[in-house]
Amino acid sequence: FLIQDGPLGSCENKYCGLGRHCIISRETGQAECACMDLCKRHYKPVCGSDGEFYENHCEVHRAACLKKQKITIVHNEDCFFK
């Protein structure tokens, strides 16, 4: 395990955006963004623009990262009753 000071190998100043987090690549030792493995258990259901029902906002952003597509929160109750 290698710890480096400064920008190389540091997640300190790396912003990855919603649904993603910073990891240190085993191959390069560089800070990289990756989709979150899981979200905190927090039940506040929302509908996504992909027509799917999600447990919370974090799950929407995580799904968008994994699917490599933009998914927004939709304020439409129809998806709750599918």
PDB file of N, CA and C in Angstrom:
ATOM      1  N   PHE A   1       0.859  -1.197   0.000  1.00  0.00           N
ATOM      2  CA  PHE A   1       0.000   0.000   0.000  1.00  0.00           C
ATOM      3  C   PHE A   1       0.887   1.236   0.000  1.00  0.00           C
ATOM      4  N   LEU A   2       0.651   2.110  -0.935  1.00  0.00           N
ATOM      5  CA  LEU A   2       1.508   3.281  -1.112  1.00  0.00           C
ATOM      6  C   LEU A   2       0.715   4.552  -0.816  1.00  0.00           C
ATOM      7  N   ILE A   3       1.237   5.366   0.050  1.00  0.00           N
ATOM      8  CA  ILE A   3       0.616   6.663   0.339  1.00  0.00           C
ATOM      9  C   ILE A   3       1.557   7.744  -0.163  1.00  0.00           C
ATOM     10  N   GLN A   4       1.016   8.641  -0.980  1.00  0.00           N
ATOM     11  CA  GLN A   4       1.840   9.712  -1.530  1.00  0.00           C
ATOM     12  C   GLN A   4       1.270  11.061  -1.140  1.00  0.00           C
ATOM     13  N   ASP A   5       2.152  12.028  -0.986  1.00  0.00           N
ATOM     14  CA  ASP A   5       1.713  13.395  -0.714  1.00  0.00           C
ATOM     15  C   ASP A   5       1.456  14.100  -2.037  1.00  0.00           C
ATOM     16  N   GLY A   6       0.634  15.122  -1.988  1.00  0.00           N
ATOM     17  CA  GLY A   6       0.395  15.909  -3.195  1.00  0.00           C
ATOM     18  C   GLY A   6      -0.703  15.319  -4.052  1.00  0.00           C
ATOM     19  N   PRO A   7      -0.850  15.877  -5.275  1.00  0.00           N
ATOM     20  CA  PRO A   7      -1.958  15.492  -6.137  1.00  0.00           C
ATOM     21  C   PRO A   7      -1.916  14.032  -6.597  1.00  0.00           C
ATOM     22  N   LEU A   8      -0.723  13.463  -6.811  1.00  0.00           N
ATOM     23  CA  LEU A   8      -0.631  12.074  -7.253  1.00  0.00           C
ATOM     24  C   LEU A   8      -1.023  11.152  -6.107  1.00  0.00           C
ATOM     25  N   GLY A   9      -1.970  10.273  -6.353  1.00  0.00           N
ATOM     26  CA  GLY A   9      -2.377   9.323  -5.337  1.00  0.00           C
ATOM     27  C   GLY A   9      -3.208   9.902  -4.219  1.00  0.00           C
ATOM     28  N   SER A  10      -3.769  11.073  -4.402  1.00  0.00           N
ATOM     29  CA  SER A  10      -4.534  11.709  -3.341  1.00  0.00           C
ATOM     30  C   SER A  10      -5.969  11.982  -3.774  1.00  0.00           C
ATOM     31  N   CYS A  11      -6.902  11.574  -2.936  1.00  0.00           N
ATOM     32  CA  CYS A  11      -8.312  11.874  -3.189  1.00  0.00           C
ATOM     33  C   CYS A  11      -8.730  13.163  -2.486  1.00  0.00           C
ATOM     34  N   GLU A  12      -7.807  13.771  -1.776  1.00  0.00           N
ATOM     35  CA  GLU A  12      -8.121  14.934  -0.950  1.00  0.00           C
ATOM     36  C   GLU A  12      -8.822  16.043  -1.725  1.00  0.00           C
ATOM     37  N   ASN A  13      -8.355  16.369  -2.917  1.00  0.00           N
ATOM     38  CA  ASN A  13      -8.939  17.470  -3.690  1.00  0.00           C
ATOM     39  C   ASN A  13      -9.653  16.998  -4.949  1.00  0.00           C
ATOM     40  N   LYS A  14     -10.016  15.727  -5.002  1.00  0.00           N
ATOM     41  CA  LYS A  14     -10.675  15.174  -6.197  1.00  0.00           C
ATOM     42  C   LYS A  14     -12.177  15.141  -5.963  1.00  0.00           C
ATOM     43  N   TYR A  15     -12.922  15.861  -6.809  1.00  0.00           N
ATOM     44  CA  TYR A  15     -14.382  15.852  -6.720  1.00  0.00           C
ATOM     45  C   TYR A  15     -14.918  14.910  -7.788  1.00  0.00           C
ATOM     46  N   CYS A  16     -15.736  13.978  -7.400  1.00  0.00           N
ATOM     47  CA  CYS A  16     -16.228  12.974  -8.343  1.00  0.00           C
ATOM     48  C   CYS A  16     -17.691  13.151  -8.733  1.00  0.00           C
ATOM     49  N   GLY A  17     -18.436  13.938  -8.008  1.00  0.00           N
ATOM     50  CA  GLY A  17     -19.836  14.139  -8.353  1.00  0.00           C
ATOM     51  C   GLY A  17     -20.746  13.146  -7.642  1.00  0.00           C
ATOM     52  N   LEU A  18     -22.029  13.337  -7.819  1.00  0.00           N
ATOM     53  CA  LEU A  18     -23.036  12.525  -7.142  1.00  0.00           C
ATOM     54  C   LEU A  18     -23.013  11.088  -7.649  1.00  0.00           C
ATOM     55  N   GLY A  19     -23.160  10.151  -6.727  1.00  0.00           N
ATOM     56  CA  GLY A  19     -23.191   8.737  -7.082  1.00  0.00           C
ATOM     57  C   GLY A  19     -21.831   8.119  -7.327  1.00  0.00           C
ATOM     58  N   ARG A  20     -20.778   8.913  -7.153  1.00  0.00           N
ATOM     59  CA  ARG A  20     -19.413   8.438  -7.392  1.00  0.00           C
ATOM     60  C   ARG A  20     -18.540   8.775  -6.190  1.00  0.00           C
ATOM     61  N   HIS A  21     -17.408   8.105  -6.080  1.00  0.00           N
ATOM     62  CA  HIS A  21     -16.453   8.417  -5.019  1.00  0.00           C
ATOM     63  C   HIS A  21     -15.043   8.211  -5.542  1.00  0.00           C
ATOM     64  N   CYS A  22     -14.098   8.749  -4.828  1.00  0.00           N
ATOM     65  CA  CYS A  22     -12.704   8.688  -5.254  1.00  0.00           C
ATOM     66  C   CYS A  22     -12.039   7.426  -4.711  1.00  0.00           C
ATOM     67  N   ILE A  23     -11.282   6.772  -5.579  1.00  0.00           N
ATOM     68  CA  ILE A  23     -10.481   5.614  -5.182  1.00  0.00           C
ATOM     69  C   ILE A  23      -9.071   5.805  -5.717  1.00  0.00           C
ATOM     70  N   ILE A  24      -8.129   5.108  -5.148  1.00  0.00           N
ATOM     71  CA  ILE A  24      -6.763   5.112  -5.664  1.00  0.00           C
ATOM     72  C   ILE A  24      -6.602   3.858  -6.516  1.00  0.00           C
ATOM     73  N   SER A  25      -6.269   4.038  -7.784  1.00  0.00           N
ATOM     74  CA  SER A  25      -6.098   2.914  -8.704  1.00  0.00           C
ATOM     75  C   SER A  25      -4.918   2.046  -8.274  1.00  0.00           C
ATOM     76  N   ARG A  26      -5.142   0.744  -8.219  1.00  0.00           N
ATOM     77  CA  ARG A  26      -4.058  -0.187  -7.884  1.00  0.00           C
ATOM     78  C   ARG A  26      -3.008  -0.224  -8.991  1.00  0.00           C
ATOM     79  N   GLU A  27      -3.453  -0.023 -10.236  1.00  0.00           N
ATOM     80  CA  GLU A  27      -2.534  -0.087 -11.373  1.00  0.00           C
ATOM     81  C   GLU A  27      -1.644   1.149 -11.478  1.00  0.00           C
ATOM     82  N   THR A  28      -2.252   2.320 -11.342  1.00  0.00           N
ATOM     83  CA  THR A  28      -1.515   3.560 -11.606  1.00  0.00           C
ATOM     84  C   THR A  28      -1.141   4.348 -10.354  1.00  0.00           C
ATOM     85  N   GLY A  29      -1.805   4.070  -9.241  1.00  0.00           N
ATOM     86  CA  GLY A  29      -1.578   4.855  -8.035  1.00  0.00           C
ATOM     87  C   GLY A  29      -2.226   6.229  -8.100  1.00  0.00           C
ATOM     88  N   GLN A  30      -3.015   6.475  -9.149  1.00  0.00           N
ATOM     89  CA  GLN A  30      -3.680   7.763  -9.356  1.00  0.00           C
ATOM     90  C   GLN A  30      -5.064   7.759  -8.714  1.00  0.00           C
ATOM     91  N   ALA A  31      -5.511   8.943  -8.316  1.00  0.00           N
ATOM     92  CA  ALA A  31      -6.873   9.115  -7.816  1.00  0.00           C
ATOM     93  C   ALA A  31      -7.826   9.041  -9.002  1.00  0.00           C
ATOM     94  N   GLU A  32      -8.869   8.219  -8.875  1.00  0.00           N
ATOM     95  CA  GLU A  32      -9.861   8.056  -9.936  1.00  0.00           C
ATOM     96  C   GLU A  32     -11.254   8.068  -9.321  1.00  0.00           C
ATOM     97  N   CYS A  33     -12.237   8.391 -10.145  1.00  0.00           N
ATOM     98  CA  CYS A  33     -13.625   8.345  -9.701  1.00  0.00           C
ATOM     99  C   CYS A  33     -14.236   7.007 -10.111  1.00  0.00           C
ATOM    100  N   ALA A  34     -15.042   6.449  -9.226  1.00  0.00           N
ATOM    101  CA  ALA A  34     -15.728   5.192  -9.499  1.00  0.00           C
ATOM    102  C   ALA A  34     -17.144   5.287  -8.946  1.00  0.00           C
ATOM    103  N   CYS A  35     -18.038   4.484  -9.503  1.00  0.00           N
ATOM    104  CA  CYS A  35     -19.408   4.450  -8.999  1.00  0.00           C
ATOM    105  C   CYS A  35     -19.392   3.919  -7.566  1.00  0.00           C
ATOM    106  N   MET A  36     -20.257   4.475  -6.749  1.00  0.00           N
ATOM    107  CA  MET A  36     -20.349   4.026  -5.356  1.00  0.00           C
ATOM    108  C   MET A  36     -20.793   2.569  -5.316  1.00  0.00           C
ATOM    109  N   ASP A  37     -20.221   1.806  -4.397  1.00  0.00           N
ATOM    110  CA  ASP A  37     -20.602   0.403  -4.244  1.00  0.00           C
ATOM    111  C   ASP A  37     -21.989   0.284  -3.637  1.00  0.00           C
ATOM    112  N   LEU A  38     -22.277   1.138  -2.678  1.00  0.00           N
ATOM    113  CA  LEU A  38     -23.596   1.138  -2.057  1.00  0.00           C
ATOM    114  C   LEU A  38     -23.877   2.481  -1.418  1.00  0.00           C
ATOM    115  N   CYS A  39     -25.144   2.707  -1.175  1.00  0.00           N
ATOM    116  CA  CYS A  39     -25.591   3.945  -0.525  1.00  0.00           C
ATOM    117  C   CYS A  39     -25.988   3.622   0.912  1.00  0.00           C
ATOM    118  N   LYS A  40     -26.013   4.641   1.748  1.00  0.00           N
ATOM    119  CA  LYS A  40     -26.480   4.460   3.123  1.00  0.00           C
ATOM    120  C   LYS A  40     -27.945   4.049   3.080  1.00  0.00           C
ATOM    121  N   ARG A  41     -28.335   3.200   4.023  1.00  0.00           N
ATOM    122  CA  ARG A  41     -29.730   2.763   4.115  1.00  0.00           C
ATOM    123  C   ARG A  41     -30.565   3.936   4.617  1.00  0.00           C
ATOM    124  N   HIS A  42     -31.278   4.551   3.708  1.00  0.00           N
ATOM    125  CA  HIS A  42     -32.099   5.716   4.045  1.00  0.00           C
ATOM    126  C   HIS A  42     -33.311   5.651   3.132  1.00  0.00           C
ATOM    127  N   TYR A  43     -34.480   5.386   3.694  1.00  0.00           N
ATOM    128  CA  TYR A  43     -35.664   5.206   2.869  1.00  0.00           C
ATOM    129  C   TYR A  43     -36.411   6.518   2.697  1.00  0.00           C
ATOM    130  N   LYS A  44     -36.195   7.138   1.554  1.00  0.00           N
ATOM    131  CA  LYS A  44     -36.925   8.343   1.165  1.00  0.00           C
ATOM    132  C   LYS A  44     -37.173   8.187  -0.335  1.00  0.00           C
ATOM    133  N   PRO A  45     -38.201   7.413  -0.709  1.00  0.00           N
ATOM    134  CA  PRO A  45     -38.399   6.996  -2.100  1.00  0.00           C
ATOM    135  C   PRO A  45     -38.560   8.142  -3.092  1.00  0.00           C
ATOM    136  N   VAL A  46     -37.967   7.929  -4.262  1.00  0.00           N
ATOM    137  CA  VAL A  46     -38.049   8.893  -5.360  1.00  0.00           C
ATOM    138  C   VAL A  46     -38.198   8.138  -6.675  1.00  0.00           C
ATOM    139  N   CYS A  47     -38.714   8.843  -7.672  1.00  0.00           N
ATOM    140  CA  CYS A  47     -38.843   8.290  -9.018  1.00  0.00           C
ATOM    141  C   CYS A  47     -37.753   8.877  -9.895  1.00  0.00           C
ATOM    142  N   GLY A  48     -37.179   8.034 -10.730  1.00  0.00           N
ATOM    143  CA  GLY A  48     -36.156   8.491 -11.663  1.00  0.00           C
ATOM    144  C   GLY A  48     -36.751   8.741 -13.033  1.00  0.00           C
ATOM    145  N   SER A  49     -36.076   9.554 -13.829  1.00  0.00           N
ATOM    146  CA  SER A  49     -36.539   9.862 -15.186  1.00  0.00           C
ATOM    147  C   SER A  49     -36.479   8.638 -16.096  1.00  0.00           C
ATOM    148  N   ASP A  50     -35.859   7.549 -15.626  1.00  0.00           N
ATOM    149  CA  ASP A  50     -35.824   6.300 -16.385  1.00  0.00           C
ATOM    150  C   ASP A  50     -37.045   5.434 -16.082  1.00  0.00           C
ATOM    151  N   GLY A  51     -37.984   5.971 -15.283  1.00  0.00           N
ATOM    152  CA  GLY A  51     -39.206   5.250 -14.956  1.00  0.00           C
ATOM    153  C   GLY A  51     -39.052   4.270 -13.801  1.00  0.00           C
ATOM    154  N   GLU A  52     -37.891   4.241 -13.191  1.00  0.00           N
ATOM    155  CA  GLU A  52     -37.630   3.325 -12.082  1.00  0.00           C
ATOM    156  C   GLU A  52     -37.897   3.997 -10.739  1.00  0.00           C
ATOM    157  N   PHE A  53     -38.193   3.170  -9.758  1.00  0.00           N
ATOM    158  CA  PHE A  53     -38.425   3.592  -8.381  1.00  0.00           C
ATOM    159  C   PHE A  53     -37.135   3.350  -7.596  1.00  0.00           C
ATOM    160  N   TYR A  54     -36.682   4.339  -6.834  1.00  0.00           N
ATOM    161  CA  TYR A  54     -35.439   4.227  -6.064  1.00  0.00           C
ATOM    162  C   TYR A  54     -35.702   4.508  -4.593  1.00  0.00           C
ATOM    163  N   GLU A  55     -34.933   3.851  -3.732  1.00  0.00           N
ATOM    164  CA  GLU A  55     -35.080   4.025  -2.282  1.00  0.00           C
ATOM    165  C   GLU A  55     -34.758   5.429  -1.815  1.00  0.00           C
ATOM    166  N   ASN A  56     -33.824   6.115  -2.504  1.00  0.00           N
ATOM    167  CA  ASN A  56     -33.426   7.462  -2.104  1.00  0.00           C
ATOM    168  C   ASN A  56     -32.644   8.133  -3.232  1.00  0.00           C
ATOM    169  N   HIS A  57     -32.293   9.395  -3.040  1.00  0.00           N
ATOM    170  CA  HIS A  57     -31.570  10.163  -4.059  1.00  0.00           C
ATOM    171  C   HIS A  57     -30.225   9.527  -4.400  1.00  0.00           C
ATOM    172  N   CYS A  58     -29.531   9.037  -3.388  1.00  0.00           N
ATOM    173  CA  CYS A  58     -28.220   8.419  -3.613  1.00  0.00           C
ATOM    174  C   CYS A  58     -28.332   7.264  -4.602  1.00  0.00           C
ATOM    175  N   GLU A  59     -29.366   6.434  -4.458  1.00  0.00           N
ATOM    176  CA  GLU A  59     -29.547   5.285  -5.354  1.00  0.00           C
ATOM    177  C   GLU A  59     -29.783   5.733  -6.801  1.00  0.00           C
ATOM    178  N   VAL A  60     -30.453   6.869  -6.986  1.00  0.00           N
ATOM    179  CA  VAL A  60     -30.665   7.414  -8.337  1.00  0.00           C
ATOM    180  C   VAL A  60     -29.318   7.782  -8.954  1.00  0.00           C
ATOM    181  N   HIS A  61     -28.499   8.508  -8.203  1.00  0.00           N
ATOM    182  CA  HIS A  61     -27.199   8.944  -8.721  1.00  0.00           C
ATOM    183  C   HIS A  61     -26.257   7.761  -8.939  1.00  0.00           C
ATOM    184  N   ARG A  62     -26.320   6.772  -8.069  1.00  0.00           N
ATOM    185  CA  ARG A  62     -25.501   5.568  -8.221  1.00  0.00           C
ATOM    186  C   ARG A  62     -25.909   4.808  -9.486  1.00  0.00           C
ATOM    187  N   ALA A  63     -27.225   4.669  -9.709  1.00  0.00           N
ATOM    188  CA  ALA A  63     -27.720   3.979 -10.906  1.00  0.00           C
ATOM    189  C   ALA A  63     -27.301   4.718 -12.170  1.00  0.00           C
ATOM    190  N   ALA A  64     -27.370   6.046 -12.135  1.00  0.00           N
ATOM    191  CA  ALA A  64     -26.958   6.846 -13.296  1.00  0.00           C
ATOM    192  C   ALA A  64     -25.489   6.590 -13.618  1.00  0.00           C
ATOM    193  N   CYS A  65     -24.671   6.494 -12.605  1.00  0.00           N
ATOM    194  CA  CYS A  65     -23.247   6.218 -12.798  1.00  0.00           C
ATOM    195  C   CYS A  65     -23.056   4.827 -13.390  1.00  0.00           C
ATOM    196  N   LEU A  66     -23.696   3.826 -12.802  1.00  0.00           N
ATOM    197  CA  LEU A  66     -23.540   2.448 -13.263  1.00  0.00           C
ATOM    198  C   LEU A  66     -24.062   2.251 -14.686  1.00  0.00           C
ATOM    199  N   LYS A  67     -25.183   2.913 -15.016  1.00  0.00           N
ATOM    200  CA  LYS A  67     -25.777   2.784 -16.354  1.00  0.00           C
ATOM    201  C   LYS A  67     -25.139   3.728 -17.367  1.00  0.00           C
ATOM    202  N   LYS A  68     -24.281   4.630 -16.862  1.00  0.00           N
ATOM    203  CA  LYS A  68     -23.637   5.643 -17.712  1.00  0.00           C
ATOM    204  C   LYS A  68     -24.676   6.451 -18.495  1.00  0.00           C
ATOM    205  N   GLN A  69     -25.704   6.889 -17.771  1.00  0.00           N
ATOM    206  CA  GLN A  69     -26.726   7.739 -18.374  1.00  0.00           C
ATOM    207  C   GLN A  69     -27.213   8.746 -17.341  1.00  0.00           C
ATOM    208  N   LYS A  70     -27.768   9.825 -17.824  1.00  0.00           N
ATOM    209  CA  LYS A  70     -28.288  10.849 -16.923  1.00  0.00           C
ATOM    210  C   LYS A  70     -29.675  10.425 -16.455  1.00  0.00           C
ATOM    211  N   ILE A  71     -29.854  10.381 -15.157  1.00  0.00           N
ATOM    212  CA  ILE A  71     -31.158  10.083 -14.565  1.00  0.00           C
ATOM    213  C   ILE A  71     -31.451  11.201 -13.578  1.00  0.00           C
ATOM    214  N   THR A  72     -32.580  11.838 -13.757  1.00  0.00           N
ATOM    215  CA  THR A  72     -32.969  12.919 -12.858  1.00  0.00           C
ATOM    216  C   THR A  72     -34.132  12.461 -11.979  1.00  0.00           C
ATOM    217  N   ILE A  73     -34.377  13.209 -10.933  1.00  0.00           N
ATOM    218  CA  ILE A  73     -35.509  12.940 -10.048  1.00  0.00           C
ATOM    219  C   ILE A  73     -36.757  13.493 -10.719  1.00  0.00           C
ATOM    220  N   VAL A  74     -37.784  12.658 -10.804  1.00  0.00           N
ATOM    221  CA  VAL A  74     -39.037  13.071 -11.430  1.00  0.00           C
ATOM    222  C   VAL A  74     -40.110  13.133 -10.348  1.00  0.00           C
ATOM    223  N   HIS A  75     -40.808  14.226 -10.321  1.00  0.00           N
ATOM    224  CA  HIS A  75     -41.882  14.381  -9.339  1.00  0.00           C
ATOM    225  C   HIS A  75     -43.186  13.935  -9.986  1.00  0.00           C
ATOM    226  N   ASN A  76     -43.288  12.611 -10.152  1.00  0.00           N
ATOM    227  CA  ASN A  76     -44.437  12.003 -10.795  1.00  0.00           C
ATOM    228  C   ASN A  76     -44.802  10.774  -9.973  1.00  0.00           C
ATOM    229  N   GLU A  77     -45.986  10.756  -9.423  1.00  0.00           N
ATOM    230  CA  GLU A  77     -46.375   9.670  -8.529  1.00  0.00           C
ATOM    231  C   GLU A  77     -46.681   8.373  -9.257  1.00  0.00           C
ATOM    232  N   ASP A  78     -46.775   8.395 -10.595  1.00  0.00           N
ATOM    233  CA  ASP A  78     -47.122   7.188 -11.344  1.00  0.00           C
ATOM    234  C   ASP A  78     -46.159   6.033 -11.075  1.00  0.00           C
ATOM    235  N   CYS A  79     -44.884   6.310 -10.943  1.00  0.00           N
ATOM    236  CA  CYS A  79     -43.924   5.215 -10.760  1.00  0.00           C
ATOM    237  C   CYS A  79     -44.074   4.549  -9.396  1.00  0.00           C
ATOM    238  N   PHE A  80     -44.671   5.229  -8.437  1.00  0.00           N
ATOM    239  CA  PHE A  80     -44.881   4.629  -7.119  1.00  0.00           C
ATOM    240  C   PHE A  80     -45.943   3.530  -7.161  1.00  0.00           C
ATOM    241  N   PHE A  81     -46.794   3.559  -8.179  1.00  0.00           N
ATOM    242  CA  PHE A  81     -47.921   2.627  -8.238  1.00  0.00           C
ATOM    243  C   PHE A  81     -47.770   1.584  -9.328  1.00  0.00           C
ATOM    244  N   LYS A  82     -46.549   1.366  -9.804  1.00  0.00           N
ATOM    245  CA  LYS A  82     -46.311   0.350 -10.841  1.00  0.00           C
ATOM    246  C   LYS A  82     -46.458  -1.029 -10.265  1.00  0.00           C
TER     247      LYS A  82
END
